[in-house]
Amino acid sequence: MADWVIILLICGIYLLITLIMGIVPGLKVSHSTTGYVAGDRSMNVFILYFVLGASIFSSFAFLGGPGWAYSRGVAALYIIAYGAVGMVPFYFFGPKARALGEKYGFVTQAEIPRRSVQQ
């Protein structure tokens, strides 16, 4: 088999898997604010990890990272460690924020201090 066919198959399988990972959880979500923002609080940890990583690191990874690597060289390899370790705080603070959101009906993290001041 030609190399380009193997590469095309691998890319196609990867894209199919990511498409399924995006569509299947979306079928179970309600059409409400909580469903849109928080996935009805039913997202599994595997999917949530990639959603948070994409939302936090996407602009830096696509805009800042390559430019910084071009200007600085190999020193930019810290970005790999930063990306891997950057989600560790969510392991500790995420369950607490989720429990508060579920208890008081918070949809975003910005609501936590605002509603606690009002009450």
N, C-alpha and C. Protein backbone atom coordinates (compact mmCIF):
# COMPACT_ATOMS: atom_id res chain seq x y z
N MET A 1 0.84 -1.17 0.00
CA MET A 1 0.00 0.00 0.00
C MET A 1 0.89 1.24 0.00
N ALA A 2 0.49 2.25 -0.72
CA ALA A 2 1.28 3.48 -0.83
C ALA A 2 1.28 4.24 0.49
N ASP A 3 2.34 4.98 0.72
CA ASP A 3 2.47 5.73 1.97
C ASP A 3 1.34 6.74 2.14
N TRP A 4 0.97 7.41 1.06
CA TRP A 4 -0.06 8.43 1.16
C TRP A 4 -1.41 7.83 1.54
N VAL A 5 -1.66 6.59 1.16
CA VAL A 5 -2.91 5.93 1.52
C VAL A 5 -2.93 5.62 3.01
N ILE A 6 -1.82 5.15 3.53
CA ILE A 6 -1.72 4.85 4.96
C ILE A 6 -1.90 6.12 5.78
N ILE A 7 -1.25 7.19 5.35
CA ILE A 7 -1.38 8.47 6.06
C ILE A 7 -2.81 8.97 6.00
N LEU A 8 -3.43 8.86 4.85
CA LEU A 8 -4.81 9.29 4.69
C LEU A 8 -5.75 8.46 5.57
N LEU A 9 -5.52 7.16 5.67
CA LEU A 9 -6.35 6.30 6.52
C LEU A 9 -6.19 6.66 7.99
N ILE A 10 -4.97 6.88 8.43
CA ILE A 10 -4.72 7.23 9.82
C ILE A 10 -5.39 8.57 10.15
N CYS A 11 -5.25 9.55 9.28
CA CYS A 11 -5.89 10.85 9.52
C CYS A 11 -7.40 10.72 9.50
N GLY A 12 -7.94 9.94 8.59
CA GLY A 12 -9.38 9.74 8.52
C GLY A 12 -9.93 9.05 9.76
N ILE A 13 -9.23 8.03 10.24
CA ILE A 13 -9.67 7.34 11.45
C ILE A 13 -9.62 8.27 12.66
N TYR A 14 -8.55 9.05 12.74
CA TYR A 14 -8.43 10.03 13.83
C TYR A 14 -9.58 11.03 13.80
N LEU A 15 -9.86 11.57 12.63
CA LEU A 15 -10.95 12.54 12.51
C LEU A 15 -12.30 11.91 12.82
N LEU A 16 -12.50 10.69 12.43
CA LEU A 16 -13.75 9.99 12.72
C LEU A 16 -13.92 9.78 14.22
N ILE A 17 -12.85 9.39 14.89
CA ILE A 17 -12.91 9.20 16.35
C ILE A 17 -13.23 10.51 17.06
N THR A 18 -12.57 11.61 16.65
CA THR A 18 -12.84 12.89 17.30
C THR A 18 -14.24 13.39 16.99
N LEU A 19 -14.73 13.11 15.80
CA LEU A 19 -16.11 13.49 15.46
C LEU A 19 -17.11 12.73 16.34
N ILE A 20 -16.89 11.46 16.52
CA ILE A 20 -17.77 10.65 17.37
C ILE A 20 -17.70 11.12 18.82
N MET A 21 -16.47 11.46 19.29
CA MET A 21 -16.31 11.95 20.65
C MET A 21 -17.03 13.28 20.87
N GLY A 22 -17.24 14.04 19.81
CA GLY A 22 -17.94 15.30 19.94
C GLY A 22 -19.44 15.17 19.78
N ILE A 23 -19.88 14.28 18.91
CA ILE A 23 -21.32 14.17 18.62
C ILE A 23 -22.07 13.36 19.68
N VAL A 24 -21.52 12.22 20.09
CA VAL A 24 -22.24 11.33 21.01
C VAL A 24 -22.59 12.02 22.33
N PRO A 25 -21.66 12.72 23.00
CA PRO A 25 -22.06 13.40 24.24
C PRO A 25 -23.08 14.50 23.99
N GLY A 26 -23.02 15.14 22.84
CA GLY A 26 -23.95 16.21 22.53
C GLY A 26 -25.38 15.74 22.34
N LEU A 27 -25.57 14.48 22.04
CA LEU A 27 -26.92 13.95 21.85
C LEU A 27 -27.68 13.84 23.17
N LYS A 28 -26.95 13.73 24.27
CA LYS A 28 -27.58 13.55 25.57
C LYS A 28 -27.82 14.86 26.31
N VAL A 29 -27.38 15.99 25.76
CA VAL A 29 -27.45 17.26 26.45
C VAL A 29 -28.77 17.96 26.16
N SER A 30 -29.36 18.56 27.19
CA SER A 30 -30.62 19.29 27.02
C SER A 30 -30.37 20.63 26.34
N HIS A 31 -31.43 21.26 25.87
CA HIS A 31 -31.34 22.55 25.21
C HIS A 31 -31.60 23.66 26.21
N SER A 32 -30.72 23.77 27.21
CA SER A 32 -30.83 24.80 28.24
C SER A 32 -29.46 25.44 28.41
N THR A 33 -29.41 26.47 29.24
CA THR A 33 -28.13 27.13 29.51
C THR A 33 -27.16 26.17 30.17
N THR A 34 -27.64 25.40 31.12
CA THR A 34 -26.79 24.42 31.79
C THR A 34 -26.32 23.35 30.82
N GLY A 35 -27.16 22.96 29.92
CA GLY A 35 -26.77 21.98 28.91
C GLY A 35 -25.72 22.50 27.97
N TYR A 36 -25.84 23.77 27.58
CA TYR A 36 -24.88 24.36 26.65
C TYR A 36 -23.54 24.64 27.32
N VAL A 37 -23.57 25.26 28.48
CA VAL A 37 -22.34 25.69 29.14
C VAL A 37 -21.67 24.54 29.89
N ALA A 38 -22.43 23.76 30.63
CA ALA A 38 -21.84 22.75 31.50
C ALA A 38 -22.13 21.33 31.06
N GLY A 39 -22.72 21.14 29.90
CA GLY A 39 -23.00 19.79 29.42
C GLY A 39 -23.91 19.01 30.35
N ASP A 40 -24.83 19.71 30.99
CA ASP A 40 -25.73 19.11 31.99
C ASP A 40 -24.97 18.41 33.11
N ARG A 41 -23.73 18.81 33.30
CA ARG A 41 -22.86 18.23 34.33
C ARG A 41 -22.74 16.71 34.19
N SER A 42 -22.78 16.24 32.97
CA SER A 42 -22.70 14.79 32.74
C SER A 42 -21.51 14.38 31.89
N MET A 43 -20.58 15.30 31.64
CA MET A 43 -19.43 15.01 30.80
C MET A 43 -18.42 14.15 31.56
N ASN A 44 -17.89 13.12 30.89
CA ASN A 44 -16.90 12.30 31.59
C ASN A 44 -15.55 13.00 31.64
N VAL A 45 -14.67 12.53 32.48
CA VAL A 45 -13.39 13.18 32.74
C VAL A 45 -12.51 13.22 31.50
N PHE A 46 -12.54 12.20 30.69
CA PHE A 46 -11.71 12.13 29.49
C PHE A 46 -12.07 13.25 28.52
N ILE A 47 -13.35 13.40 28.25
CA ILE A 47 -13.80 14.46 27.34
C ILE A 47 -13.58 15.83 27.97
N LEU A 48 -13.87 15.97 29.26
CA LEU A 48 -13.73 17.24 29.94
C LEU A 48 -12.28 17.72 29.92
N TYR A 49 -11.33 16.82 30.07
CA TYR A 49 -9.92 17.18 30.03
C TYR A 49 -9.57 17.86 28.71
N PHE A 50 -10.03 17.29 27.61
CA PHE A 50 -9.72 17.86 26.31
C PHE A 50 -10.49 19.15 26.04
N VAL A 51 -11.71 19.26 26.53
CA VAL A 51 -12.47 20.49 26.36
C VAL A 51 -11.79 21.63 27.11
N LEU A 52 -11.41 21.39 28.34
CA LEU A 52 -10.74 22.43 29.12
C LEU A 52 -9.39 22.79 28.51
N GLY A 53 -8.65 21.79 28.10
CA GLY A 53 -7.36 22.05 27.47
C GLY A 53 -7.50 22.88 26.21
N ALA A 54 -8.48 22.56 25.40
CA ALA A 54 -8.69 23.30 24.15
C ALA A 54 -9.11 24.74 24.43
N SER A 55 -9.96 24.94 25.41
CA SER A 55 -10.42 26.30 25.68
C SER A 55 -9.35 27.16 26.35
N ILE A 56 -8.50 26.56 27.15
CA ILE A 56 -7.49 27.33 27.86
C ILE A 56 -6.25 27.57 27.01
N PHE A 57 -5.78 26.54 26.33
CA PHE A 57 -4.50 26.63 25.66
C PHE A 57 -4.58 26.88 24.16
N SER A 58 -5.76 26.97 23.58
CA SER A 58 -5.84 27.04 22.12
C SER A 58 -5.23 28.30 21.54
N SER A 59 -5.56 29.46 22.07
CA SER A 59 -5.03 30.69 21.48
C SER A 59 -3.52 30.76 21.65
N PHE A 60 -3.02 30.36 22.79
CA PHE A 60 -1.57 30.37 22.98
C PHE A 60 -0.89 29.35 22.07
N ALA A 61 -1.48 28.17 21.97
CA ALA A 61 -0.86 27.12 21.18
C ALA A 61 -0.82 27.45 19.69
N PHE A 62 -1.86 28.11 19.20
CA PHE A 62 -1.91 28.39 17.77
C PHE A 62 -1.30 29.73 17.39
N LEU A 63 -1.27 30.68 18.32
CA LEU A 63 -0.75 32.00 17.98
C LEU A 63 0.57 32.32 18.68
N GLY A 64 0.60 32.19 19.98
CA GLY A 64 1.78 32.59 20.73
C GLY A 64 2.91 31.58 20.71
N GLY A 65 2.56 30.31 20.86
CA GLY A 65 3.59 29.27 20.97
C GLY A 65 4.51 29.16 19.77
N PRO A 66 4.01 29.03 18.56
CA PRO A 66 4.90 28.91 17.41
C PRO A 66 5.77 30.14 17.19
N GLY A 67 5.21 31.32 17.41
CA GLY A 67 6.02 32.53 17.26
C GLY A 67 7.12 32.61 18.30
N TRP A 68 6.78 32.24 19.53
CA TRP A 68 7.78 32.26 20.59
C TRP A 68 8.86 31.22 20.32
N ALA A 69 8.47 30.05 19.85
CA ALA A 69 9.44 29.00 19.52
C ALA A 69 10.34 29.43 18.38
N TYR A 70 9.79 30.14 17.41
CA TYR A 70 10.59 30.61 16.28
C TYR A 70 11.64 31.61 16.74
N SER A 71 11.26 32.49 17.66
CA SER A 71 12.19 33.52 18.10
C SER A 71 13.17 33.04 19.16
N ARG A 72 12.77 32.07 20.00
CA ARG A 72 13.62 31.62 21.11
C ARG A 72 14.31 30.27 20.88
N GLY A 73 13.76 29.46 20.02
CA GLY A 73 14.38 28.17 19.75
C GLY A 73 13.93 27.09 20.71
N VAL A 74 14.88 26.23 21.11
CA VAL A 74 14.56 25.05 21.90
C VAL A 74 14.03 25.38 23.30
N ALA A 75 14.21 26.59 23.77
CA ALA A 75 13.70 26.98 25.08
C ALA A 75 12.18 26.90 25.13
N ALA A 76 11.56 26.92 23.99
CA ALA A 76 10.10 26.86 23.94
C ALA A 76 9.56 25.47 24.25
N LEU A 77 10.43 24.49 24.47
CA LEU A 77 9.96 23.15 24.81
C LEU A 77 9.26 23.11 26.17
N TYR A 78 9.43 24.15 26.96
CA TYR A 78 8.71 24.19 28.24
C TYR A 78 7.20 24.21 28.00
N ILE A 79 6.78 24.62 26.82
CA ILE A 79 5.36 24.68 26.51
C ILE A 79 4.73 23.29 26.63
N ILE A 80 5.46 22.26 26.28
CA ILE A 80 4.94 20.89 26.39
C ILE A 80 4.67 20.56 27.85
N ALA A 81 5.63 20.87 28.72
CA ALA A 81 5.44 20.61 30.15
C ALA A 81 4.32 21.48 30.71
N TYR A 82 4.26 22.72 30.28
CA TYR A 82 3.21 23.62 30.75
C TYR A 82 1.84 23.10 30.35
N GLY A 83 1.72 22.60 29.15
CA GLY A 83 0.44 22.06 28.69
C GLY A 83 0.02 20.83 29.46
N ALA A 84 0.98 19.98 29.80
CA ALA A 84 0.65 18.74 30.52
C ALA A 84 0.34 19.01 31.99
N VAL A 85 1.08 19.91 32.60
CA VAL A 85 0.92 20.18 34.03
C VAL A 85 -0.14 21.25 34.28
N GLY A 86 -0.49 22.00 33.26
CA GLY A 86 -1.43 23.11 33.42
C GLY A 86 -2.81 22.71 33.89
N MET A 87 -3.17 21.46 33.71
CA MET A 87 -4.49 21.00 34.12
C MET A 87 -4.51 20.41 35.53
N VAL A 88 -3.38 20.29 36.17
CA VAL A 88 -3.32 19.70 37.51
C VAL A 88 -4.17 20.46 38.53
N PRO A 89 -4.20 21.80 38.53
CA PRO A 89 -5.06 22.49 39.50
C PRO A 89 -6.53 22.10 39.39
N PHE A 90 -6.98 21.76 38.19
CA PHE A 90 -8.37 21.35 38.04
C PHE A 90 -8.66 20.05 38.78
N TYR A 91 -7.65 19.24 38.97
CA TYR A 91 -7.83 18.00 39.72
C TYR A 91 -8.21 18.31 41.17
N PHE A 92 -7.63 19.38 41.72
CA PHE A 92 -7.88 19.72 43.11
C PHE A 92 -9.08 20.66 43.28
N PHE A 93 -9.18 21.67 42.42
CA PHE A 93 -10.23 22.67 42.57
C PHE A 93 -11.49 22.35 41.78
N GLY A 94 -11.38 21.54 40.77
CA GLY A 94 -12.53 21.21 39.92
C GLY A 94 -13.68 20.55 40.65
N PRO A 95 -13.43 19.50 41.45
CA PRO A 95 -14.55 18.88 42.18
C PRO A 95 -15.24 19.83 43.15
N LYS A 96 -14.49 20.74 43.76
CA LYS A 96 -15.10 21.70 44.69
C LYS A 96 -15.98 22.69 43.93
N ALA A 97 -15.48 23.18 42.79
CA ALA A 97 -16.28 24.10 41.99
C ALA A 97 -17.51 23.41 41.43
N ARG A 98 -17.38 22.15 41.05
CA ARG A 98 -18.52 21.40 40.53
C ARG A 98 -19.58 21.19 41.62
N ALA A 99 -19.12 20.88 42.83
CA ALA A 99 -20.07 20.67 43.94
C ALA A 99 -20.82 21.96 44.26
N LEU A 100 -20.12 23.10 44.25
CA LEU A 100 -20.79 24.38 44.47
C LEU A 100 -21.79 24.67 43.36
N GLY A 101 -21.39 24.40 42.13
CA GLY A 101 -22.28 24.65 41.00
C GLY A 101 -23.53 23.79 41.04
N GLU A 102 -23.35 22.55 41.42
CA GLU A 102 -24.50 21.66 41.50
C GLU A 102 -25.42 22.03 42.67
N LYS A 103 -24.83 22.43 43.79
CA LYS A 103 -25.62 22.76 44.97
C LYS A 103 -26.42 24.05 44.79
N TYR A 104 -25.77 25.08 44.23
CA TYR A 104 -26.41 26.39 44.12
C TYR A 104 -26.91 26.72 42.70
N GLY A 105 -26.69 25.83 41.75
CA GLY A 105 -27.16 26.07 40.39
C GLY A 105 -26.27 26.97 39.57
N PHE A 106 -25.00 27.10 39.95
CA PHE A 106 -24.07 27.92 39.17
C PHE A 106 -23.81 27.26 37.83
N VAL A 107 -23.71 28.08 36.80
CA VAL A 107 -23.41 27.55 35.48
C VAL A 107 -21.97 27.87 35.10
N THR A 108 -21.48 29.05 35.47
CA THR A 108 -20.10 29.43 35.19
C THR A 108 -19.37 29.71 36.50
N GLN A 109 -18.06 29.71 36.45
CA GLN A 109 -17.27 29.98 37.65
C GLN A 109 -17.40 31.43 38.07
N ALA A 110 -17.71 32.32 37.15
CA ALA A 110 -17.87 33.73 37.50
C ALA A 110 -19.06 33.97 38.42
N GLU A 111 -20.01 33.06 38.45
CA GLU A 111 -21.18 33.22 39.32
C GLU A 111 -20.87 32.92 40.78
N ILE A 112 -19.82 32.21 41.06
CA ILE A 112 -19.53 31.80 42.44
C ILE A 112 -19.31 33.01 43.34
N PRO A 113 -18.37 33.93 43.07
CA PRO A 113 -18.22 35.06 43.99
C PRO A 113 -19.38 36.04 43.92
N ARG A 114 -19.99 36.22 42.76
CA ARG A 114 -21.07 37.19 42.61
C ARG A 114 -22.28 36.78 43.45
N ARG A 115 -22.68 35.53 43.37
CA ARG A 115 -23.88 35.09 44.11
C ARG A 115 -23.58 34.96 45.60
N SER A 116 -22.35 34.65 45.97
CA SER A 116 -22.06 34.52 47.40
C SER A 116 -22.05 35.90 48.06
N VAL A 117 -21.76 36.97 47.30
CA VAL A 117 -21.81 38.33 47.84
C VAL A 117 -23.26 38.76 47.98
N GLN A 118 -24.12 38.36 47.03
CA GLN A 118 -25.52 38.76 47.07
C GLN A 118 -26.28 38.07 48.19
N GLN A 119 -25.87 36.87 48.59
CA GLN A 119 -26.63 36.10 49.59
C GLN A 119 -26.21 36.43 50.99
